[in-house]
Amino acid sequence: MNEYHYSVKELAKIWGLSQAKVRRMLRNEPGVLRFGMEKKGHKREYVTLRIPASVAERVYRRCMCRGLPRGGNKEDAA
């Protein structure tokens, strides 16, 4: 399967968010690939995230649609 994998930097630019915010959003998201050394004791964590396009789309829908009223129609909220 050839699915594009985004970097944190790419998604931050596309979504208009900081890289730190994108990392926090995706930290424990299923399907995100993690490369590097995990945190051990008091040492800093060095991890590179790669996010499949399908995971990025799922997270975007979930996070960006929170503000919509149920049913997705603005007139329903009035």
C-alpha atoms as a PDB file:
ATOM      1  CA  MET A   1       0.000   0.000   0.000  1.00  0.00           C
ATOM      2  CA  ASN A   2       1.471   3.341  -1.043  1.00  0.00           C
ATOM      3  CA  GLU A   3      -0.022   5.946   1.239  1.00  0.00           C
ATOM      4  CA  TYR A   4       1.631   9.332   1.673  1.00  0.00           C
ATOM      5  CA  HIS A   5       3.057   9.980   5.145  1.00  0.00           C
ATOM      6  CA  TYR A   6       3.173  13.593   6.390  1.00  0.00           C
ATOM      7  CA  SER A   7       5.771  15.078   8.680  1.00  0.00           C
ATOM      8  CA  VAL A   8       4.705  17.157  11.670  1.00  0.00           C
ATOM      9  CA  LYS A   9       6.100  20.244   9.928  1.00  0.00           C
ATOM     10  CA  GLU A  10       3.984  19.629   6.806  1.00  0.00           C
ATOM     11  CA  LEU A  11       0.749  19.175   8.765  1.00  0.00           C
ATOM     12  CA  ALA A  12       1.467  22.222  10.913  1.00  0.00           C
ATOM     13  CA  LYS A  13       1.790  24.332   7.771  1.00  0.00           C
ATOM     14  CA  ILE A  14      -1.300  22.837   6.103  1.00  0.00           C
ATOM     15  CA  TRP A  15      -3.478  23.148   9.212  1.00  0.00           C
ATOM     16  CA  GLY A  16      -2.120  26.540  10.285  1.00  0.00           C
ATOM     17  CA  LEU A  17      -1.006  25.266  13.701  1.00  0.00           C
ATOM     18  CA  SER A  18       2.300  25.149  15.534  1.00  0.00           C
ATOM     19  CA  GLN A  19       4.431  22.017  15.297  1.00  0.00           C
ATOM     20  CA  ALA A  20       4.111  21.600  19.082  1.00  0.00           C
ATOM     21  CA  LYS A  21       0.294  21.601  18.839  1.00  0.00           C
ATOM     22  CA  VAL A  22       0.325  19.034  16.019  1.00  0.00           C
ATOM     23  CA  ARG A  23       2.695  16.801  18.028  1.00  0.00           C
ATOM     24  CA  ARG A  24       0.371  16.961  21.038  1.00  0.00           C
ATOM     25  CA  MET A  25      -2.669  16.152  18.867  1.00  0.00           C
ATOM     26  CA  LEU A  26      -0.968  13.115  17.325  1.00  0.00           C
ATOM     27  CA  ARG A  27       1.097  11.878  20.288  1.00  0.00           C
ATOM     28  CA  ASN A  28      -1.096   8.857  21.100  1.00  0.00           C
ATOM     29  CA  GLU A  29      -3.075   8.590  17.867  1.00  0.00           C
ATOM     30  CA  PRO A  30      -3.377   5.032  16.499  1.00  0.00           C
ATOM     31  CA  GLY A  31      -1.624   4.562  13.156  1.00  0.00           C
ATOM     32  CA  VAL A  32       1.041   7.249  13.635  1.00  0.00           C
ATOM     33  CA  LEU A  33       4.543   5.908  13.025  1.00  0.00           C
ATOM     34  CA  ARG A  34       7.146   6.739  15.685  1.00  0.00           C
ATOM     35  CA  PHE A  35      10.886   6.551  15.010  1.00  0.00           C
ATOM     36  CA  GLY A  36      13.641   7.248  17.506  1.00  0.00           C
ATOM     37  CA  MET A  37      14.461   6.875  21.152  1.00  0.00           C
ATOM     38  CA  GLU A  38      11.710   6.878  23.752  1.00  0.00           C
ATOM     39  CA  LYS A  39      12.106   8.883  26.942  1.00  0.00           C
ATOM     40  CA  LYS A  40      14.096   7.054  29.596  1.00  0.00           C
ATOM     41  CA  GLY A  41      14.200   8.546  33.061  1.00  0.00           C
ATOM     42  CA  HIS A  42      14.891  12.263  32.958  1.00  0.00           C
ATOM     43  CA  LYS A  43      16.340  12.343  29.436  1.00  0.00           C
ATOM     44  CA  ARG A  44      14.663  14.182  26.579  1.00  0.00           C
ATOM     45  CA  GLU A  45      12.588  12.172  24.103  1.00  0.00           C
ATOM     46  CA  TYR A  46      13.879  12.122  20.505  1.00  0.00           C
ATOM     47  CA  VAL A  47      11.069  10.830  18.320  1.00  0.00           C
ATOM     48  CA  THR A  48      10.172  11.519  14.694  1.00  0.00           C
ATOM     49  CA  LEU A  49       6.507  11.154  13.770  1.00  0.00           C
ATOM     50  CA  ARG A  50       5.225  10.187  10.341  1.00  0.00           C
ATOM     51  CA  ILE A  51       1.481  10.481   9.859  1.00  0.00           C
ATOM     52  CA  PRO A  52      -0.325   8.489   7.160  1.00  0.00           C
ATOM     53  CA  ALA A  53      -2.735  10.565   5.065  1.00  0.00           C
ATOM     54  CA  SER A  54      -5.711   8.540   6.316  1.00  0.00           C
ATOM     55  CA  VAL A  55      -4.784   9.245   9.958  1.00  0.00           C
ATOM     56  CA  ALA A  56      -4.249  12.950   9.225  1.00  0.00           C
ATOM     57  CA  GLU A  57      -7.688  13.137   7.596  1.00  0.00           C
ATOM     58  CA  ARG A  58      -9.352  11.351  10.534  1.00  0.00           C
ATOM     59  CA  VAL A  59      -7.744  13.648  13.109  1.00  0.00           C
ATOM     60  CA  TYR A  60      -8.535  16.752  11.062  1.00  0.00           C
ATOM     61  CA  ARG A  61     -12.213  15.815  10.776  1.00  0.00           C
ATOM     62  CA  ARG A  62     -12.483  14.979  14.459  1.00  0.00           C
ATOM     63  CA  CYS A  63     -10.734  18.117  15.704  1.00  0.00           C
ATOM     64  CA  MET A  64     -11.998  20.671  13.213  1.00  0.00           C
ATOM     65  CA  CYS A  65     -15.648  19.571  13.333  1.00  0.00           C
ATOM     66  CA  ARG A  66     -16.006  19.931  17.130  1.00  0.00           C
ATOM     67  CA  GLY A  67     -17.418  23.437  16.795  1.00  0.00           C
ATOM     68  CA  LEU A  68     -20.244  22.478  14.432  1.00  0.00           C
ATOM     69  CA  PRO A  69     -23.733  21.992  15.851  1.00  0.00           C
ATOM     70  CA  ARG A  70     -25.192  18.489  15.730  1.00  0.00           C
ATOM     71  CA  GLY A  71     -26.419  17.783  12.212  1.00  0.00           C
ATOM     72  CA  GLY A  72     -23.747  20.024  10.705  1.00  0.00           C
ATOM     73  CA  ASN A  73     -26.189  22.795   9.768  1.00  0.00           C
ATOM     74  CA  LYS A  74     -25.573  26.277  11.184  1.00  0.00           C
ATOM     75  CA  GLU A  75     -29.277  27.122  11.028  1.00  0.00           C
ATOM     76  CA  ASP A  76     -29.995  24.280  13.487  1.00  0.00           C
ATOM     77  CA  ALA A  77     -28.065  26.187  16.174  1.00  0.00           C
ATOM     78  CA  ALA A  78     -30.292  29.284  15.946  1.00  0.00           C
END
